[in-house]
Amino acid sequence: MPHTVPASEFDRLVNLHANLRNIDVYLDALHKKVKDTRTVLESDAYTVARLYYNTVRSLAKEGSAEAGRIYKELSPYFKAKHPGKKEKVDETEGKQDS
């Protein structure tokens, strides 16, 4: 005689599956909102950091030693390398005076 599963057990499993699907949909939406919020916060933080860097750079150009030190420390993080953009080459580099 084949083993059978009571209809109530099957119904319970179907309901659990539906409930888990609803939770999954909710979590996907929540994950997207958290990710979007994090992106906005990262953008805001970068904007503030860039403003600080530009201020320090201006002060360094005006001769502030402390700003010069900070500018030198921060410069590697803000000097962007743009793909496809050629760096200027110093044509006098490597030449000897004749």
PDB file of N, CA and C in Angstrom:
ATOM      1  N   MET A   1       0.845  -1.176   0.000  1.00  0.00           N
ATOM      2  CA  MET A   1       0.000   0.000   0.000  1.00  0.00           C
ATOM      3  C   MET A   1       0.895   1.245   0.000  1.00  0.00           C
ATOM      4  N   PRO A   2       0.679   2.198  -0.944  1.00  0.00           N
ATOM      5  CA  PRO A   2       1.524   3.401  -1.021  1.00  0.00           C
ATOM      6  C   PRO A   2       1.325   4.318   0.183  1.00  0.00           C
ATOM      7  N   HIS A   3       2.430   4.958   0.538  1.00  0.00           N
ATOM      8  CA  HIS A   3       2.385   5.909   1.648  1.00  0.00           C
ATOM      9  C   HIS A   3       1.742   7.206   1.145  1.00  0.00           C
ATOM     10  N   THR A   4       0.841   7.753   1.889  1.00  0.00           N
ATOM     11  CA  THR A   4       0.179   8.997   1.482  1.00  0.00           C
ATOM     12  C   THR A   4       0.444  10.084   2.513  1.00  0.00           C
ATOM     13  N   VAL A   5       0.358  11.305   2.038  1.00  0.00           N
ATOM     14  CA  VAL A   5       0.533  12.476   2.906  1.00  0.00           C
ATOM     15  C   VAL A   5      -0.849  13.072   3.102  1.00  0.00           C
ATOM     16  N   PRO A   6      -1.208  13.336   4.346  1.00  0.00           N
ATOM     17  CA  PRO A   6      -2.518  13.945   4.578  1.00  0.00           C
ATOM     18  C   PRO A   6      -2.630  15.303   3.864  1.00  0.00           C
ATOM     19  N   ALA A   7      -3.813  15.617   3.384  1.00  0.00           N
ATOM     20  CA  ALA A   7      -4.060  16.885   2.680  1.00  0.00           C
ATOM     21  C   ALA A   7      -3.696  18.077   3.565  1.00  0.00           C
ATOM     22  N   SER A   8      -3.919  17.974   4.858  1.00  0.00           N
ATOM     23  CA  SER A   8      -3.603  19.079   5.763  1.00  0.00           C
ATOM     24  C   SER A   8      -2.094  19.363   5.781  1.00  0.00           C
ATOM     25  N   GLU A   9      -1.286  18.311   5.689  1.00  0.00           N
ATOM     26  CA  GLU A   9       0.173  18.496   5.663  1.00  0.00           C
ATOM     27  C   GLU A   9       0.599  19.174   4.360  1.00  0.00           C
ATOM     28  N   PHE A  10      -0.004  18.754   3.268  1.00  0.00           N
ATOM     29  CA  PHE A  10       0.296  19.369   1.979  1.00  0.00           C
ATOM     30  C   PHE A  10      -0.100  20.844   1.994  1.00  0.00           C
ATOM     31  N   ASP A  11      -1.275  21.147   2.518  1.00  0.00           N
ATOM     32  CA  ASP A  11      -1.746  22.545   2.614  1.00  0.00           C
ATOM     33  C   ASP A  11      -0.782  23.380   3.465  1.00  0.00           C
ATOM     34  N   ARG A  12      -0.306  22.782   4.557  1.00  0.00           N
ATOM     35  CA  ARG A  12       0.627  23.491   5.436  1.00  0.00           C
ATOM     36  C   ARG A  12       1.906  23.838   4.686  1.00  0.00           C
ATOM     37  N   LEU A  13       2.424  22.888   3.908  1.00  0.00           N
ATOM     38  CA  LEU A  13       3.634  23.130   3.133  1.00  0.00           C
ATOM     39  C   LEU A  13       3.436  24.199   2.056  1.00  0.00           C
ATOM     40  N   VAL A  14       2.302  24.158   1.401  1.00  0.00           N
ATOM     41  CA  VAL A  14       1.999  25.168   0.374  1.00  0.00           C
ATOM     42  C   VAL A  14       1.906  26.553   1.010  1.00  0.00           C
ATOM     43  N   ASN A  15       1.258  26.646   2.169  1.00  0.00           N
ATOM     44  CA  ASN A  15       1.141  27.936   2.857  1.00  0.00           C
ATOM     45  C   ASN A  15       2.509  28.446   3.318  1.00  0.00           C
ATOM     46  N   LEU A  16       3.345  27.546   3.850  1.00  0.00           N
ATOM     47  CA  LEU A  16       4.684  27.949   4.252  1.00  0.00           C
ATOM     48  C   LEU A  16       5.482  28.470   3.055  1.00  0.00           C
ATOM     49  N   HIS A  17       5.364  27.787   1.933  1.00  0.00           N
ATOM     50  CA  HIS A  17       6.063  28.228   0.725  1.00  0.00           C
ATOM     51  C   HIS A  17       5.591  29.612   0.304  1.00  0.00           C
ATOM     52  N   ALA A  18       4.293  29.842   0.310  1.00  0.00           N
ATOM     53  CA  ALA A  18       3.745  31.144  -0.070  1.00  0.00           C
ATOM     54  C   ALA A  18       4.225  32.236   0.897  1.00  0.00           C
ATOM     55  N   ASN A  19       4.228  31.928   2.186  1.00  0.00           N
ATOM     56  CA  ASN A  19       4.694  32.903   3.176  1.00  0.00           C
ATOM     57  C   ASN A  19       6.169  33.235   2.983  1.00  0.00           C
ATOM     58  N   LEU A  20       6.976  32.217   2.724  1.00  0.00           N
ATOM     59  CA  LEU A  20       8.397  32.455   2.483  1.00  0.00           C
ATOM     60  C   LEU A  20       8.618  33.268   1.211  1.00  0.00           C
ATOM     61  N   ARG A  21       7.812  33.024   0.212  1.00  0.00           N
ATOM     62  CA  ARG A  21       7.909  33.805  -1.035  1.00  0.00           C
ATOM     63  C   ARG A  21       7.599  35.265  -0.749  1.00  0.00           C
ATOM     64  N   ASN A  22       6.581  35.536   0.057  1.00  0.00           N
ATOM     65  CA  ASN A  22       6.232  36.917   0.413  1.00  0.00           C
ATOM     66  C   ASN A  22       7.384  37.584   1.174  1.00  0.00           C
ATOM     67  N   ILE A  23       7.997  36.849   2.076  1.00  0.00           N
ATOM     68  CA  ILE A  23       9.135  37.381   2.837  1.00  0.00           C
ATOM     69  C   ILE A  23      10.296  37.660   1.887  1.00  0.00           C
ATOM     70  N   ASP A  24      10.528  36.754   0.958  1.00  0.00           N
ATOM     71  CA  ASP A  24      11.609  36.925  -0.015  1.00  0.00           C
ATOM     72  C   ASP A  24      11.401  38.190  -0.849  1.00  0.00           C
ATOM     73  N   VAL A  25      10.185  38.412  -1.314  1.00  0.00           N
ATOM     74  CA  VAL A  25       9.873  39.617  -2.102  1.00  0.00           C
ATOM     75  C   VAL A  25      10.111  40.869  -1.249  1.00  0.00           C
ATOM     76  N   TYR A  26       9.666  40.842  -0.003  1.00  0.00           N
ATOM     77  CA  TYR A  26       9.862  41.971   0.903  1.00  0.00           C
ATOM     78  C   TYR A  26      11.356  42.234   1.123  1.00  0.00           C
ATOM     79  N   LEU A  27      12.132  41.176   1.348  1.00  0.00           N
ATOM     80  CA  LEU A  27      13.568  41.339   1.587  1.00  0.00           C
ATOM     81  C   LEU A  27      14.293  41.862   0.352  1.00  0.00           C
ATOM     82  N   ASP A  28      13.876  41.425  -0.836  1.00  0.00           N
ATOM     83  CA  ASP A  28      14.464  41.954  -2.069  1.00  0.00           C
ATOM     84  C   ASP A  28      14.235  43.460  -2.175  1.00  0.00           C
ATOM     85  N   ALA A  29      13.017  43.895  -1.870  1.00  0.00           N
ATOM     86  CA  ALA A  29      12.703  45.325  -1.924  1.00  0.00           C
ATOM     87  C   ALA A  29      13.502  46.096  -0.868  1.00  0.00           C
ATOM     88  N   LEU A  30      13.602  45.528   0.320  1.00  0.00           N
ATOM     89  CA  LEU A  30      14.378  46.167   1.384  1.00  0.00           C
ATOM     90  C   LEU A  30      15.850  46.257   0.994  1.00  0.00           C
ATOM     91  N   HIS A  31      16.389  45.187   0.442  1.00  0.00           N
ATOM     92  CA  HIS A  31      17.787  45.185   0.009  1.00  0.00           C
ATOM     93  C   HIS A  31      18.041  46.285  -1.017  1.00  0.00           C
ATOM     94  N   LYS A  32      17.130  46.457  -1.973  1.00  0.00           N
ATOM     95  CA  LYS A  32      17.287  47.499  -2.986  1.00  0.00           C
ATOM     96  C   LYS A  32      17.268  48.874  -2.334  1.00  0.00           C
ATOM     97  N   LYS A  33      16.373  49.089  -1.380  1.00  0.00           N
ATOM     98  CA  LYS A  33      16.311  50.390  -0.706  1.00  0.00           C
ATOM     99  C   LYS A  33      17.585  50.672   0.088  1.00  0.00           C
ATOM    100  N   VAL A  34      18.099  49.677   0.769  1.00  0.00           N
ATOM    101  CA  VAL A  34      19.337  49.848   1.533  1.00  0.00           C
ATOM    102  C   VAL A  34      20.497  50.139   0.583  1.00  0.00           C
ATOM    103  N   LYS A  35      20.567  49.407  -0.510  1.00  0.00           N
ATOM    104  CA  LYS A  35      21.637  49.615  -1.494  1.00  0.00           C
ATOM    105  C   LYS A  35      21.561  51.021  -2.095  1.00  0.00           C
ATOM    106  N   ASP A  36      20.359  51.469  -2.446  1.00  0.00           N
ATOM    107  CA  ASP A  36      20.179  52.813  -3.000  1.00  0.00           C
ATOM    108  C   ASP A  36      20.562  53.889  -1.980  1.00  0.00           C
ATOM    109  N   THR A  37      20.174  53.684  -0.727  1.00  0.00           N
ATOM    110  CA  THR A  37      20.516  54.633   0.330  1.00  0.00           C
ATOM    111  C   THR A  37      22.019  54.692   0.532  1.00  0.00           C
ATOM    112  N   ARG A  38      22.659  53.550   0.520  1.00  0.00           N
ATOM    113  CA  ARG A  38      24.115  53.500   0.677  1.00  0.00           C
ATOM    114  C   ARG A  38      24.803  54.233  -0.472  1.00  0.00           C
ATOM    115  N   THR A  39      24.301  54.091  -1.679  1.00  0.00           N
ATOM    116  CA  THR A  39      24.873  54.780  -2.834  1.00  0.00           C
ATOM    117  C   THR A  39      24.768  56.292  -2.674  1.00  0.00           C
ATOM    118  N   VAL A  40      23.613  56.770  -2.214  1.00  0.00           N
ATOM    119  CA  VAL A  40      23.429  58.213  -1.992  1.00  0.00           C
ATOM    120  C   VAL A  40      24.376  58.712  -0.903  1.00  0.00           C
ATOM    121  N   LEU A  41      24.495  57.952   0.188  1.00  0.00           N
ATOM    122  CA  LEU A  41      25.398  58.347   1.276  1.00  0.00           C
ATOM    123  C   LEU A  41      26.849  58.379   0.813  1.00  0.00           C
ATOM    124  N   GLU A  42      27.257  57.401   0.025  1.00  0.00           N
ATOM    125  CA  GLU A  42      28.621  57.378  -0.494  1.00  0.00           C
ATOM    126  C   GLU A  42      28.881  58.586  -1.385  1.00  0.00           C
ATOM    127  N   SER A  43      27.901  58.946  -2.188  1.00  0.00           N
ATOM    128  CA  SER A  43      28.037  60.116  -3.055  1.00  0.00           C
ATOM    129  C   SER A  43      28.159  61.389  -2.226  1.00  0.00           C
ATOM    130  N   ASP A  44      27.319  61.511  -1.205  1.00  0.00           N
ATOM    131  CA  ASP A  44      27.384  62.686  -0.330  1.00  0.00           C
ATOM    132  C   ASP A  44      28.728  62.762   0.387  1.00  0.00           C
ATOM    133  N   ALA A  45      29.209  61.635   0.882  1.00  0.00           N
ATOM    134  CA  ALA A  45      30.495  61.606   1.582  1.00  0.00           C
ATOM    135  C   ALA A  45      31.624  61.998   0.630  1.00  0.00           C
ATOM    136  N   TYR A  46      31.577  61.521  -0.603  1.00  0.00           N
ATOM    137  CA  TYR A  46      32.611  61.871  -1.565  1.00  0.00           C
ATOM    138  C   TYR A  46      32.566  63.365  -1.877  1.00  0.00           C
ATOM    139  N   THR A  47      31.379  63.925  -2.014  1.00  0.00           N
ATOM    140  CA  THR A  47      31.241  65.351  -2.294  1.00  0.00           C
ATOM    141  C   THR A  47      31.866  66.186  -1.179  1.00  0.00           C
ATOM    142  N   VAL A  48      31.597  65.821   0.079  1.00  0.00           N
ATOM    143  CA  VAL A  48      32.168  66.535   1.221  1.00  0.00           C
ATOM    144  C   VAL A  48      33.685  66.366   1.249  1.00  0.00           C
ATOM    145  N   ALA A  49      34.164  65.157   1.005  1.00  0.00           N
ATOM    146  CA  ALA A  49      35.601  64.905   0.999  1.00  0.00           C
ATOM    147  C   ALA A  49      36.286  65.685  -0.124  1.00  0.00           C
ATOM    148  N   ARG A  50      35.661  65.742  -1.269  1.00  0.00           N
ATOM    149  CA  ARG A  50      36.222  66.489  -2.407  1.00  0.00           C
ATOM    150  C   ARG A  50      36.271  67.980  -2.090  1.00  0.00           C
ATOM    151  N   LEU A  51      35.243  68.497  -1.446  1.00  0.00           N
ATOM    152  CA  LEU A  51      35.222  69.909  -1.038  1.00  0.00           C
ATOM    153  C   LEU A  51      36.373  70.189  -0.078  1.00  0.00           C
ATOM    154  N   TYR A  52      36.577  69.309   0.903  1.00  0.00           N
ATOM    155  CA  TYR A  52      37.677  69.456   1.858  1.00  0.00           C
ATOM    156  C   TYR A  52      39.016  69.422   1.128  1.00  0.00           C
ATOM    157  N   TYR A  53      39.181  68.483   0.212  1.00  0.00           N
ATOM    158  CA  TYR A  53      40.418  68.360  -0.553  1.00  0.00           C
ATOM    159  C   TYR A  53      40.690  69.635  -1.350  1.00  0.00           C
ATOM    160  N   ASN A  54      39.670  70.146  -2.026  1.00  0.00           N
ATOM    161  CA  ASN A  54      39.846  71.368  -2.821  1.00  0.00           C
ATOM    162  C   ASN A  54      40.203  72.563  -1.945  1.00  0.00           C
ATOM    163  N   THR A  55      39.611  72.640  -0.757  1.00  0.00           N
ATOM    164  CA  THR A  55      39.936  73.714   0.178  1.00  0.00           C
ATOM    165  C   THR A  55      41.389  73.611   0.624  1.00  0.00           C
ATOM    166  N   VAL A  56      41.816  72.407   0.990  1.00  0.00           N
ATOM    167  CA  VAL A  56      43.194  72.181   1.421  1.00  0.00           C
ATOM    168  C   VAL A  56      44.154  72.502   0.276  1.00  0.00           C
ATOM    169  N   ARG A  57      43.799  72.103  -0.929  1.00  0.00           N
ATOM    170  CA  ARG A  57      44.645  72.388  -2.089  1.00  0.00           C
ATOM    171  C   ARG A  57      44.806  73.893  -2.285  1.00  0.00           C
ATOM    172  N   SER A  58      43.711  74.628  -2.166  1.00  0.00           N
ATOM    173  CA  SER A  58      43.782  76.092  -2.303  1.00  0.00           C
ATOM    174  C   SER A  58      44.662  76.708  -1.225  1.00  0.00           C
ATOM    175  N   LEU A  59      44.503  76.246   0.015  1.00  0.00           N
ATOM    176  CA  LEU A  59      45.322  76.768   1.114  1.00  0.00           C
ATOM    177  C   LEU A  59      46.798  76.419   0.911  1.00  0.00           C
ATOM    178  N   ALA A  60      47.055  75.237   0.386  1.00  0.00           N
ATOM    179  CA  ALA A  60      48.442  74.837   0.120  1.00  0.00           C
ATOM    180  C   ALA A  60      49.055  75.739  -0.944  1.00  0.00           C
ATOM    181  N   LYS A  61      48.273  76.070  -1.980  1.00  0.00           N
ATOM    182  CA  LYS A  61      48.768  76.965  -3.032  1.00  0.00           C
ATOM    183  C   LYS A  61      49.040  78.366  -2.492  1.00  0.00           C
ATOM    184  N   GLU A  62      48.312  78.742  -1.434  1.00  0.00           N
ATOM    185  CA  GLU A  62      48.520  80.052  -0.809  1.00  0.00           C
ATOM    186  C   GLU A  62      49.705  80.042   0.147  1.00  0.00           C
ATOM    187  N   GLY A  63      50.287  78.859   0.393  1.00  0.00           N
ATOM    188  CA  GLY A  63      51.491  78.783   1.194  1.00  0.00           C
ATOM    189  C   GLY A  63      51.362  78.177   2.572  1.00  0.00           C
ATOM    190  N   SER A  64      50.207  77.664   2.922  1.00  0.00           N
ATOM    191  CA  SER A  64      50.038  77.040   4.241  1.00  0.00           C
ATOM    192  C   SER A  64      50.811  75.721   4.299  1.00  0.00           C
ATOM    193  N   ALA A  65      51.758  75.648   5.223  1.00  0.00           N
ATOM    194  CA  ALA A  65      52.572  74.432   5.354  1.00  0.00           C
ATOM    195  C   ALA A  65      51.723  73.238   5.795  1.00  0.00           C
ATOM    196  N   GLU A  66      50.847  73.448   6.764  1.00  0.00           N
ATOM    197  CA  GLU A  66      49.993  72.354   7.252  1.00  0.00           C
ATOM    198  C   GLU A  66      49.058  71.864   6.140  1.00  0.00           C
ATOM    199  N   ALA A  67      48.476  72.814   5.396  1.00  0.00           N
ATOM    200  CA  ALA A  67      47.612  72.436   4.273  1.00  0.00           C
ATOM    201  C   ALA A  67      48.422  71.705   3.209  1.00  0.00           C
ATOM    202  N   GLY A  68      49.658  72.122   3.009  1.00  0.00           N
ATOM    203  CA  GLY A  68      50.524  71.445   2.038  1.00  0.00           C
ATOM    204  C   GLY A  68      50.773  69.997   2.416  1.00  0.00           C
ATOM    205  N   ARG A  69      50.983  69.760   3.711  1.00  0.00           N
ATOM    206  CA  ARG A  69      51.209  68.392   4.192  1.00  0.00           C
ATOM    207  C   ARG A  69      49.961  67.545   3.974  1.00  0.00           C
ATOM    208  N   ILE A  70      48.812  68.104   4.332  1.00  0.00           N
ATOM    209  CA  ILE A  70      47.540  67.369   4.170  1.00  0.00           C
ATOM    210  C   ILE A  70      47.264  67.127   2.690  1.00  0.00           C
ATOM    211  N   TYR A  71      47.480  68.153   1.873  1.00  0.00           N
ATOM    212  CA  TYR A  71      47.256  68.034   0.430  1.00  0.00           C
ATOM    213  C   TYR A  71      48.120  66.909  -0.151  1.00  0.00           C
ATOM    214  N   LYS A  72      49.381  66.871   0.243  1.00  0.00           N
ATOM    215  CA  LYS A  72      50.289  65.840  -0.258  1.00  0.00           C
ATOM    216  C   LYS A  72      49.805  64.447   0.151  1.00  0.00           C
ATOM    217  N   GLU A  73      49.288  64.341   1.367  1.00  0.00           N
ATOM    218  CA  GLU A  73      48.802  63.050   1.859  1.00  0.00           C
ATOM    219  C   GLU A  73      47.516  62.609   1.139  1.00  0.00           C
ATOM    220  N   LEU A  74      46.649  63.570   0.836  1.00  0.00           N
ATOM    221  CA  LEU A  74      45.361  63.234   0.206  1.00  0.00           C
ATOM    222  C   LEU A  74      45.430  63.101  -1.314  1.00  0.00           C
ATOM    223  N   SER A  75      46.398  63.738  -1.935  1.00  0.00           N
ATOM    224  CA  SER A  75      46.463  63.785  -3.396  1.00  0.00           C
ATOM    225  C   SER A  75      46.329  62.429  -4.093  1.00  0.00           C
ATOM    226  N   PRO A  76      46.993  61.379  -3.624  1.00  0.00           N
ATOM    227  CA  PRO A  76      46.859  60.094  -4.337  1.00  0.00           C
ATOM    228  C   PRO A  76      45.417  59.580  -4.400  1.00  0.00           C
ATOM    229  N   TYR A  77      44.580  60.000  -3.459  1.00  0.00           N
ATOM    230  CA  TYR A  77      43.204  59.511  -3.432  1.00  0.00           C
ATOM    231  C   TYR A  77      42.285  60.300  -4.359  1.00  0.00           C
ATOM    232  N   PHE A  78      42.706  61.498  -4.743  1.00  0.00           N
ATOM    233  CA  PHE A  78      41.824  62.352  -5.531  1.00  0.00           C
ATOM    234  C   PHE A  78      42.316  62.613  -6.944  1.00  0.00           C
ATOM    235  N   LYS A  79      43.523  62.249  -7.259  1.00  0.00           N
ATOM    236  CA  LYS A  79      44.017  62.416  -8.621  1.00  0.00           C
ATOM    237  C   LYS A  79      43.563  61.208  -9.423  1.00  0.00           C
ATOM    238  N   ALA A  80      42.472  61.385 -10.144  1.00  0.00           N
ATOM    239  CA  ALA A  80      41.859  60.273 -10.876  1.00  0.00           C
ATOM    240  C   ALA A  80      42.632  59.976 -12.152  1.00  0.00           C
ATOM    241  N   LYS A  81      42.781  58.728 -12.413  1.00  0.00           N
ATOM    242  CA  LYS A  81      43.334  58.271 -13.679  1.00  0.00           C
ATOM    243  C   LYS A  81      42.144  57.996 -14.592  1.00  0.00           C
ATOM    244  N   HIS A  82      42.059  58.730 -15.698  1.00  0.00           N
ATOM    245  CA  HIS A  82      40.943  58.564 -16.623  1.00  0.00           C
ATOM    246  C   HIS A  82      41.357  57.627 -17.746  1.00  0.00           C
ATOM    247  N   PRO A  83      40.588  56.569 -17.962  1.00  0.00           N
ATOM    248  CA  PRO A  83      40.928  55.645 -19.047  1.00  0.00           C
ATOM    249  C   PRO A  83      40.915  56.375 -20.386  1.00  0.00           C
ATOM    250  N   GLY A  84      41.912  56.150 -21.166  1.00  0.00           N
ATOM    251  CA  GLY A  84      41.967  56.763 -22.491  1.00  0.00           C
ATOM    252  C   GLY A  84      42.567  58.156 -22.494  1.00  0.00           C
ATOM    253  N   LYS A  85      42.731  58.757 -21.344  1.00  0.00           N
ATOM    254  CA  LYS A  85      43.302  60.093 -21.267  1.00  0.00           C
ATOM    255  C   LYS A  85      44.812  59.950 -21.149  1.00  0.00           C
ATOM    256  N   LYS A  86      45.513  60.570 -22.065  1.00  0.00           N
ATOM    257  CA  LYS A  86      46.965  60.466 -22.070  1.00  0.00           C
ATOM    258  C   LYS A  86      47.555  61.463 -21.089  1.00  0.00           C
ATOM    259  N   GLU A  87      48.550  61.001 -20.352  1.00  0.00           N
ATOM    260  CA  GLU A  87      49.247  61.884 -19.434  1.00  0.00           C
ATOM    261  C   GLU A  87      50.213  62.745 -20.226  1.00  0.00           C
ATOM    262  N   LYS A  88      50.404  63.979 -19.765  1.00  0.00           N
ATOM    263  CA  LYS A  88      51.356  64.857 -20.419  1.00  0.00           C
ATOM    264  C   LYS A  88      52.763  64.330 -20.159  1.00  0.00           C
ATOM    265  N   VAL A  89      53.565  64.363 -21.193  1.00  0.00           N
ATOM    266  CA  VAL A  89      54.937  63.890 -21.079  1.00  0.00           C
ATOM    267  C   VAL A  89      55.844  65.109 -21.099  1.00  0.00           C
ATOM    268  N   ASP A  90      56.751  65.157 -20.147  1.00  0.00           N
ATOM    269  CA  ASP A  90      57.721  66.237 -20.092  1.00  0.00           C
ATOM    270  C   ASP A  90      58.768  65.951 -21.159  1.00  0.00           C
ATOM    271  N   GLU A  91      58.757  66.743 -22.238  1.00  0.00           N
ATOM    272  CA  GLU A  91      59.650  66.478 -23.359  1.00  0.00           C
ATOM    273  C   GLU A  91      61.102  66.768 -23.024  1.00  0.00           C
ATOM    274  N   THR A  92      61.346  67.516 -21.947  1.00  0.00           N
ATOM    275  CA  THR A  92      62.724  67.815 -21.580  1.00  0.00           C
ATOM    276  C   THR A  92      63.311  66.731 -20.686  1.00  0.00           C
ATOM    277  N   GLU A  93      62.450  65.851 -20.191  1.00  0.00           N
ATOM    278  CA  GLU A  93      62.913  64.794 -19.291  1.00  0.00           C
ATOM    279  C   GLU A  93      63.826  63.840 -20.048  1.00  0.00           C
ATOM    280  N   GLY A  94      64.955  63.572 -19.463  1.00  0.00           N
ATOM    281  CA  GLY A  94      65.877  62.609 -20.031  1.00  0.00           C
ATOM    282  C   GLY A  94      66.836  63.218 -21.058  1.00  0.00           C
ATOM    283  N   LYS A  95      66.596  64.482 -21.461  1.00  0.00           N
ATOM    284  CA  LYS A  95      67.504  65.128 -22.415  1.00  0.00           C
ATOM    285  C   LYS A  95      68.646  65.770 -21.670  1.00  0.00           C
ATOM    286  N   GLN A  96      69.802  65.748 -22.293  1.00  0.00           N
ATOM    287  CA  GLN A  96      70.976  66.393 -21.698  1.00  0.00           C
ATOM    288  C   GLN A  96      71.238  67.706 -22.422  1.00  0.00           C
ATOM    289  N   ASP A  97      71.755  68.674 -21.664  1.00  0.00           N
ATOM    290  CA  ASP A  97      72.100  69.957 -22.272  1.00  0.00           C
ATOM    291  C   ASP A  97      73.268  69.769 -23.211  1.00  0.00           C
ATOM    292  N   SER A  98      73.209  70.364 -24.416  1.00  0.00           N
ATOM    293  CA  SER A  98      74.317  70.216 -25.369  1.00  0.00           C
ATOM    294  C   SER A  98      75.234  71.398 -25.291  1.00  0.00           C
TER     295      SER A  98
END
